[in-house]
């Protein structure tokens, strides 16, 4: 009789452990944030953990939790809703662009994110082949036109994602002809590089 009681108690304990221990799958993530280029830990970066909620043609990000990276650039999250696709990311800051990615559902994820420090370009724009006073140039596509046959000026463009290659583009209008140009530059994070456009 005691053997049967021991057996039933052991079976009951195993069922309880199994029910509570494995009743829910979860999506968890360990996030490590680095600064692009230097690979230094990004300390004090607010990281969001959430999922996309779709409503008709609109969708929005539902943030479940926000935590700040520690002295090693690390933070972790756990989500219990096994029906949603979680993601982690952080918004743009005062001097960097954010990063983010989606997670594998119902698994533990280890994610590496990067901060991209702001970078700028000091552009020296000079009209060396003037046609007429309607000549103009638009640098970076931001709608800032420089007009005139005698343009010789410096403009600051940015911010760009720093510590990596990127594209600087511009449009030139002469004799009612619009021509687009672009070049690949290496943008230096937290710095301003120089570039000259002669048109």
C-alpha atoms as a PDB file:
ATOM      1  CA  UNK A   1       0.000   0.000   0.000  1.00  0.00           C
ATOM      2  CA  UNK A   2       2.839   2.394   0.876  1.00  0.00           C
ATOM      3  CA  UNK A   3       4.496   1.602  -2.456  1.00  0.00           C
ATOM      4  CA  UNK A   4       1.303   2.535  -4.289  1.00  0.00           C
ATOM      5  CA  UNK A   5       1.035   5.778  -2.294  1.00  0.00           C
ATOM      6  CA  UNK A   6       4.645   6.662  -3.089  1.00  0.00           C
ATOM      7  CA  UNK A   7       4.006   5.912  -6.736  1.00  0.00           C
ATOM      8  CA  UNK A   8       0.848   8.060  -6.862  1.00  0.00           C
ATOM      9  CA  UNK A   9       2.545  10.976  -5.047  1.00  0.00           C
ATOM     10  CA  UNK A  10       5.538  10.801  -7.408  1.00  0.00           C
ATOM     11  CA  UNK A  11       3.242  10.653 -10.446  1.00  0.00           C
ATOM     12  CA  UNK A  12       1.206  13.611  -9.181  1.00  0.00           C
ATOM     13  CA  UNK A  13       4.385  15.639  -8.553  1.00  0.00           C
ATOM     14  CA  UNK A  14       5.669  14.900 -12.061  1.00  0.00           C
ATOM     15  CA  UNK A  15       2.320  15.929 -13.589  1.00  0.00           C
ATOM     16  CA  UNK A  16       2.324  19.217 -11.647  1.00  0.00           C
ATOM     17  CA  UNK A  17       5.913  19.997 -12.648  1.00  0.00           C
ATOM     18  CA  UNK A  18       5.145  19.103 -16.248  1.00  0.00           C
ATOM     19  CA  UNK A  19       2.014  21.246 -16.323  1.00  0.00           C
ATOM     20  CA  UNK A  20       3.517  24.350 -14.765  1.00  0.00           C
ATOM     21  CA  UNK A  21       7.014  23.952 -16.156  1.00  0.00           C
ATOM     22  CA  UNK A  22       6.052  23.396 -19.789  1.00  0.00           C
ATOM     23  CA  UNK A  23       2.581  24.853 -20.060  1.00  0.00           C
ATOM     24  CA  UNK A  24       3.745  27.805 -22.166  1.00  0.00           C
ATOM     25  CA  UNK A  25       6.328  28.329 -24.826  1.00  0.00           C
ATOM     26  CA  UNK A  26       7.926  31.753 -24.728  1.00  0.00           C
ATOM     27  CA  UNK A  27       9.992  34.026 -26.922  1.00  0.00           C
ATOM     28  CA  UNK A  28      13.049  35.361 -25.156  1.00  0.00           C
ATOM     29  CA  UNK A  29      16.043  37.342 -26.295  1.00  0.00           C
ATOM     30  CA  UNK A  30      19.418  38.468 -25.101  1.00  0.00           C
ATOM     31  CA  UNK A  31      20.403  41.697 -26.839  1.00  0.00           C
ATOM     32  CA  UNK A  32      23.940  43.037 -27.112  1.00  0.00           C
ATOM     33  CA  UNK A  33      24.323  46.545 -28.549  1.00  0.00           C
ATOM     34  CA  UNK A  34      27.592  47.761 -30.066  1.00  0.00           C
ATOM     35  CA  UNK A  35      28.676  50.976 -31.707  1.00  0.00           C
ATOM     36  CA  UNK A  36      29.265  50.443 -35.407  1.00  0.00           C
ATOM     37  CA  UNK A  37      32.935  50.528 -36.328  1.00  0.00           C
ATOM     38  CA  UNK A  38      34.436  50.703 -32.856  1.00  0.00           C
ATOM     39  CA  UNK A  39      32.528  47.660 -31.525  1.00  0.00           C
ATOM     40  CA  UNK A  40      32.415  49.331 -28.120  1.00  0.00           C
ATOM     41  CA  UNK A  41      29.476  48.447 -25.885  1.00  0.00           C
ATOM     42  CA  UNK A  42      26.623  50.918 -26.292  1.00  0.00           C
ATOM     43  CA  UNK A  43      25.770  51.805 -22.698  1.00  0.00           C
ATOM     44  CA  UNK A  44      22.456  53.353 -21.623  1.00  0.00           C
ATOM     45  CA  UNK A  45      20.593  52.709 -24.892  1.00  0.00           C
ATOM     46  CA  UNK A  46      16.817  52.238 -24.459  1.00  0.00           C
ATOM     47  CA  UNK A  47      15.768  49.005 -26.183  1.00  0.00           C
ATOM     48  CA  UNK A  48      12.126  48.211 -26.949  1.00  0.00           C
ATOM     49  CA  UNK A  49      10.608  44.725 -26.947  1.00  0.00           C
ATOM     50  CA  UNK A  50       7.261  44.306 -28.656  1.00  0.00           C
ATOM     51  CA  UNK A  51       5.332  43.166 -31.701  1.00  0.00           C
ATOM     52  CA  UNK A  52       3.418  44.501 -34.686  1.00  0.00           C
ATOM     53  CA  UNK A  53      -0.335  44.857 -34.418  1.00  0.00           C
ATOM     54  CA  UNK A  54      -2.185  44.966 -37.716  1.00  0.00           C
ATOM     55  CA  UNK A  55      -5.484  46.777 -38.070  1.00  0.00           C
ATOM     56  CA  UNK A  56      -6.772  46.765 -41.643  1.00  0.00           C
ATOM     57  CA  UNK A  57      -4.324  48.582 -43.875  1.00  0.00           C
ATOM     58  CA  UNK A  58      -2.576  50.066 -40.827  1.00  0.00           C
ATOM     59  CA  UNK A  59      -0.096  48.438 -38.502  1.00  0.00           C
ATOM     60  CA  UNK A  60       1.582  49.764 -35.409  1.00  0.00           C
ATOM     61  CA  UNK A  61       4.276  48.638 -32.999  1.00  0.00           C
ATOM     62  CA  UNK A  62       3.049  47.546 -29.593  1.00  0.00           C
ATOM     63  CA  UNK A  63       5.887  47.989 -27.078  1.00  0.00           C
ATOM     64  CA  UNK A  64       5.560  45.509 -24.220  1.00  0.00           C
ATOM     65  CA  UNK A  65       8.750  46.402 -22.371  1.00  0.00           C
ATOM     66  CA  UNK A  66      11.558  48.946 -22.527  1.00  0.00           C
ATOM     67  CA  UNK A  67      14.880  48.429 -20.805  1.00  0.00           C
ATOM     68  CA  UNK A  68      18.213  50.240 -20.913  1.00  0.00           C
ATOM     69  CA  UNK A  69      21.461  48.500 -21.813  1.00  0.00           C
ATOM     70  CA  UNK A  70      23.848  47.888 -18.942  1.00  0.00           C
ATOM     71  CA  UNK A  71      27.580  48.648 -18.702  1.00  0.00           C
ATOM     72  CA  UNK A  72      28.261  45.801 -21.142  1.00  0.00           C
ATOM     73  CA  UNK A  73      25.643  46.943 -23.665  1.00  0.00           C
ATOM     74  CA  UNK A  74      23.365  44.038 -22.718  1.00  0.00           C
ATOM     75  CA  UNK A  75      19.669  43.678 -21.987  1.00  0.00           C
ATOM     76  CA  UNK A  76      17.226  40.750 -22.004  1.00  0.00           C
ATOM     77  CA  UNK A  77      13.495  40.253 -22.476  1.00  0.00           C
ATOM     78  CA  UNK A  78      10.929  37.487 -22.318  1.00  0.00           C
ATOM     79  CA  UNK A  79       7.480  37.452 -23.921  1.00  0.00           C
ATOM     80  CA  UNK A  80       4.795  34.939 -23.035  1.00  0.00           C
ATOM     81  CA  UNK A  81       2.351  35.441 -25.913  1.00  0.00           C
ATOM     82  CA  UNK A  82       3.201  32.589 -28.283  1.00  0.00           C
ATOM     83  CA  UNK A  83       0.811  33.885 -30.960  1.00  0.00           C
ATOM     84  CA  UNK A  84       2.689  37.090 -31.786  1.00  0.00           C
ATOM     85  CA  UNK A  85       5.954  37.710 -33.622  1.00  0.00           C
ATOM     86  CA  UNK A  86       8.209  39.688 -31.332  1.00  0.00           C
ATOM     87  CA  UNK A  87      10.925  42.122 -32.327  1.00  0.00           C
ATOM     88  CA  UNK A  88      13.553  44.214 -30.584  1.00  0.00           C
ATOM     89  CA  UNK A  89      14.869  47.611 -31.547  1.00  0.00           C
ATOM     90  CA  UNK A  90      15.536  51.095 -30.387  1.00  0.00           C
ATOM     91  CA  UNK A  91      14.623  54.520 -31.756  1.00  0.00           C
ATOM     92  CA  UNK A  92      17.031  57.065 -33.202  1.00  0.00           C
ATOM     93  CA  UNK A  93      18.896  59.022 -30.546  1.00  0.00           C
ATOM     94  CA  UNK A  94      20.399  62.485 -30.371  1.00  0.00           C
ATOM     95  CA  UNK A  95      23.591  61.403 -32.126  1.00  0.00           C
ATOM     96  CA  UNK A  96      22.904  57.954 -33.575  1.00  0.00           C
ATOM     97  CA  UNK A  97      20.522  55.983 -35.771  1.00  0.00           C
ATOM     98  CA  UNK A  98      18.646  53.056 -34.253  1.00  0.00           C
ATOM     99  CA  UNK A  99      18.620  49.409 -35.219  1.00  0.00           C
ATOM    100  CA  UNK A 100      16.245  46.491 -34.785  1.00  0.00           C
ATOM    101  CA  UNK A 101      15.250  43.032 -35.922  1.00  0.00           C
ATOM    102  CA  UNK A 102      12.498  40.449 -35.643  1.00  0.00           C
ATOM    103  CA  UNK A 103      12.818  37.350 -33.453  1.00  0.00           C
ATOM    104  CA  UNK A 104      12.153  33.663 -33.934  1.00  0.00           C
ATOM    105  CA  UNK A 105       8.879  32.785 -32.232  1.00  0.00           C
ATOM    106  CA  UNK A 106       8.891  30.568 -29.162  1.00  0.00           C
ATOM    107  CA  UNK A 107      12.681  30.371 -29.049  1.00  0.00           C
ATOM    108  CA  UNK A 108      15.554  31.978 -27.194  1.00  0.00           C
ATOM    109  CA  UNK A 109      17.269  34.491 -29.470  1.00  0.00           C
ATOM    110  CA  UNK A 110      20.679  36.107 -29.135  1.00  0.00           C
ATOM    111  CA  UNK A 111      20.733  39.359 -31.116  1.00  0.00           C
ATOM    112  CA  UNK A 112      23.523  41.807 -31.922  1.00  0.00           C
ATOM    113  CA  UNK A 113      22.340  45.344 -32.681  1.00  0.00           C
ATOM    114  CA  UNK A 114      24.386  48.373 -33.664  1.00  0.00           C
ATOM    115  CA  UNK A 115      24.278  52.077 -33.008  1.00  0.00           C
ATOM    116  CA  UNK A 116      25.186  54.076 -36.097  1.00  0.00           C
ATOM    117  CA  UNK A 117      26.656  57.416 -34.976  1.00  0.00           C
ATOM    118  CA  UNK A 118      25.644  60.476 -36.974  1.00  0.00           C
ATOM    119  CA  UNK A 119      28.036  61.600 -39.707  1.00  0.00           C
ATOM    120  CA  UNK A 120      28.009  64.697 -41.902  1.00  0.00           C
ATOM    121  CA  UNK A 121      29.468  65.894 -45.207  1.00  0.00           C
ATOM    122  CA  UNK A 122      30.693  69.429 -45.854  1.00  0.00           C
ATOM    123  CA  UNK A 123      29.960  69.863 -49.574  1.00  0.00           C
ATOM    124  CA  UNK A 124      31.713  72.574 -51.563  1.00  0.00           C
ATOM    125  CA  UNK A 125      29.396  73.144 -54.538  1.00  0.00           C
ATOM    126  CA  UNK A 126      30.881  75.176 -57.398  1.00  0.00           C
ATOM    127  CA  UNK A 127      29.365  75.948 -60.805  1.00  0.00           C
ATOM    128  CA  UNK A 128      32.427  75.821 -63.090  1.00  0.00           C
ATOM    129  CA  UNK A 129      30.479  75.377 -66.353  1.00  0.00           C
ATOM    130  CA  UNK A 130      27.685  77.954 -66.117  1.00  0.00           C
ATOM    131  CA  UNK A 131      24.882  77.991 -68.684  1.00  0.00           C
ATOM    132  CA  UNK A 132      22.575  80.697 -67.368  1.00  0.00           C
ATOM    133  CA  UNK A 133      21.045  82.071 -64.187  1.00  0.00           C
ATOM    134  CA  UNK A 134      18.533  79.194 -64.108  1.00  0.00           C
ATOM    135  CA  UNK A 135      21.305  76.719 -63.342  1.00  0.00           C
ATOM    136  CA  UNK A 136      20.653  74.989 -60.037  1.00  0.00           C
ATOM    137  CA  UNK A 137      21.776  72.055 -57.976  1.00  0.00           C
ATOM    138  CA  UNK A 138      19.928  70.015 -55.354  1.00  0.00           C
ATOM    139  CA  UNK A 139      22.262  68.131 -53.015  1.00  0.00           C
ATOM    140  CA  UNK A 140      21.020  65.145 -51.040  1.00  0.00           C
ATOM    141  CA  UNK A 141      17.451  65.265 -52.365  1.00  0.00           C
ATOM    142  CA  UNK A 142      16.261  67.402 -49.472  1.00  0.00           C
ATOM    143  CA  UNK A 143      14.716  70.111 -51.617  1.00  0.00           C
ATOM    144  CA  UNK A 144      17.409  72.698 -50.927  1.00  0.00           C
ATOM    145  CA  UNK A 145      18.151  74.190 -54.335  1.00  0.00           C
ATOM    146  CA  UNK A 146      21.173  76.413 -55.016  1.00  0.00           C
ATOM    147  CA  UNK A 147      20.418  78.710 -57.972  1.00  0.00           C
ATOM    148  CA  UNK A 148      22.677  80.724 -60.199  1.00  0.00           C
ATOM    149  CA  UNK A 149      25.455  80.619 -62.752  1.00  0.00           C
ATOM    150  CA  UNK A 150      28.017  81.655 -60.152  1.00  0.00           C
ATOM    151  CA  UNK A 151      27.311  79.261 -57.284  1.00  0.00           C
ATOM    152  CA  UNK A 152      30.371  78.753 -55.108  1.00  0.00           C
ATOM    153  CA  UNK A 153      29.297  77.822 -51.611  1.00  0.00           C
ATOM    154  CA  UNK A 154      29.581  75.261 -48.830  1.00  0.00           C
ATOM    155  CA  UNK A 155      26.611  73.337 -47.422  1.00  0.00           C
ATOM    156  CA  UNK A 156      26.475  70.710 -44.683  1.00  0.00           C
ATOM    157  CA  UNK A 157      24.630  67.485 -45.517  1.00  0.00           C
ATOM    158  CA  UNK A 158      23.432  64.842 -43.074  1.00  0.00           C
ATOM    159  CA  UNK A 159      23.063  63.148 -40.801  1.00  0.00           C
ATOM    160  CA  UNK A 160      24.141  59.902 -42.451  1.00  0.00           C
ATOM    161  CA  UNK A 161      24.772  56.535 -40.814  1.00  0.00           C
ATOM    162  CA  UNK A 162      28.354  56.843 -39.684  1.00  0.00           C
ATOM    163  CA  UNK A 163      31.324  54.514 -39.669  1.00  0.00           C
ATOM    164  CA  UNK A 164      30.360  52.838 -42.934  1.00  0.00           C
ATOM    165  CA  UNK A 165      30.016  53.447 -46.653  1.00  0.00           C
ATOM    166  CA  UNK A 166      26.991  55.348 -47.905  1.00  0.00           C
ATOM    167  CA  UNK A 167      25.697  57.294 -50.886  1.00  0.00           C
ATOM    168  CA  UNK A 168      25.686  61.060 -51.416  1.00  0.00           C
ATOM    169  CA  UNK A 169      23.490  62.101 -54.332  1.00  0.00           C
ATOM    170  CA  UNK A 170      22.732  65.338 -56.148  1.00  0.00           C
ATOM    171  CA  UNK A 171      20.757  66.640 -59.134  1.00  0.00           C
ATOM    172  CA  UNK A 172      22.011  69.257 -61.578  1.00  0.00           C
ATOM    173  CA  UNK A 173      19.674  71.351 -63.739  1.00  0.00           C
ATOM    174  CA  UNK A 174      21.197  73.087 -66.783  1.00  0.00           C
ATOM    175  CA  UNK A 175      19.562  74.154 -70.035  1.00  0.00           C
ATOM    176  CA  UNK A 176      16.296  72.532 -68.823  1.00  0.00           C
ATOM    177  CA  UNK A 177      18.059  69.184 -68.479  1.00  0.00           C
ATOM    178  CA  UNK A 178      18.037  67.344 -65.153  1.00  0.00           C
ATOM    179  CA  UNK A 179      20.948  64.984 -64.504  1.00  0.00           C
ATOM    180  CA  UNK A 180      21.325  62.849 -61.378  1.00  0.00           C
ATOM    181  CA  UNK A 181      24.718  62.018 -59.886  1.00  0.00           C
ATOM    182  CA  UNK A 182      25.832  60.034 -56.855  1.00  0.00           C
ATOM    183  CA  UNK A 183      29.000  58.835 -55.216  1.00  0.00           C
ATOM    184  CA  UNK A 184      29.868  56.345 -52.509  1.00  0.00           C
ATOM    185  CA  UNK A 185      31.636  57.854 -49.509  1.00  0.00           C
ATOM    186  CA  UNK A 186      32.911  56.520 -46.234  1.00  0.00           C
ATOM    187  CA  UNK A 187      31.004  58.405 -43.538  1.00  0.00           C
ATOM    188  CA  UNK A 188      32.971  58.937 -40.338  1.00  0.00           C
ATOM    189  CA  UNK A 189      30.845  58.636 -37.200  1.00  0.00           C
ATOM    190  CA  UNK A 190      30.605  61.817 -35.118  1.00  0.00           C
ATOM    191  CA  UNK A 191      32.660  63.709 -37.673  1.00  0.00           C
ATOM    192  CA  UNK A 192      32.293  65.775 -40.862  1.00  0.00           C
ATOM    193  CA  UNK A 193      34.121  64.895 -44.072  1.00  0.00           C
ATOM    194  CA  UNK A 194      34.738  67.173 -47.053  1.00  0.00           C
ATOM    195  CA  UNK A 195      33.540  66.650 -50.616  1.00  0.00           C
ATOM    196  CA  UNK A 196      33.646  68.952 -53.645  1.00  0.00           C
ATOM    197  CA  UNK A 197      31.095  69.034 -56.476  1.00  0.00           C
ATOM    198  CA  UNK A 198      32.092  70.978 -59.571  1.00  0.00           C
ATOM    199  CA  UNK A 199      29.320  71.156 -62.145  1.00  0.00           C
END
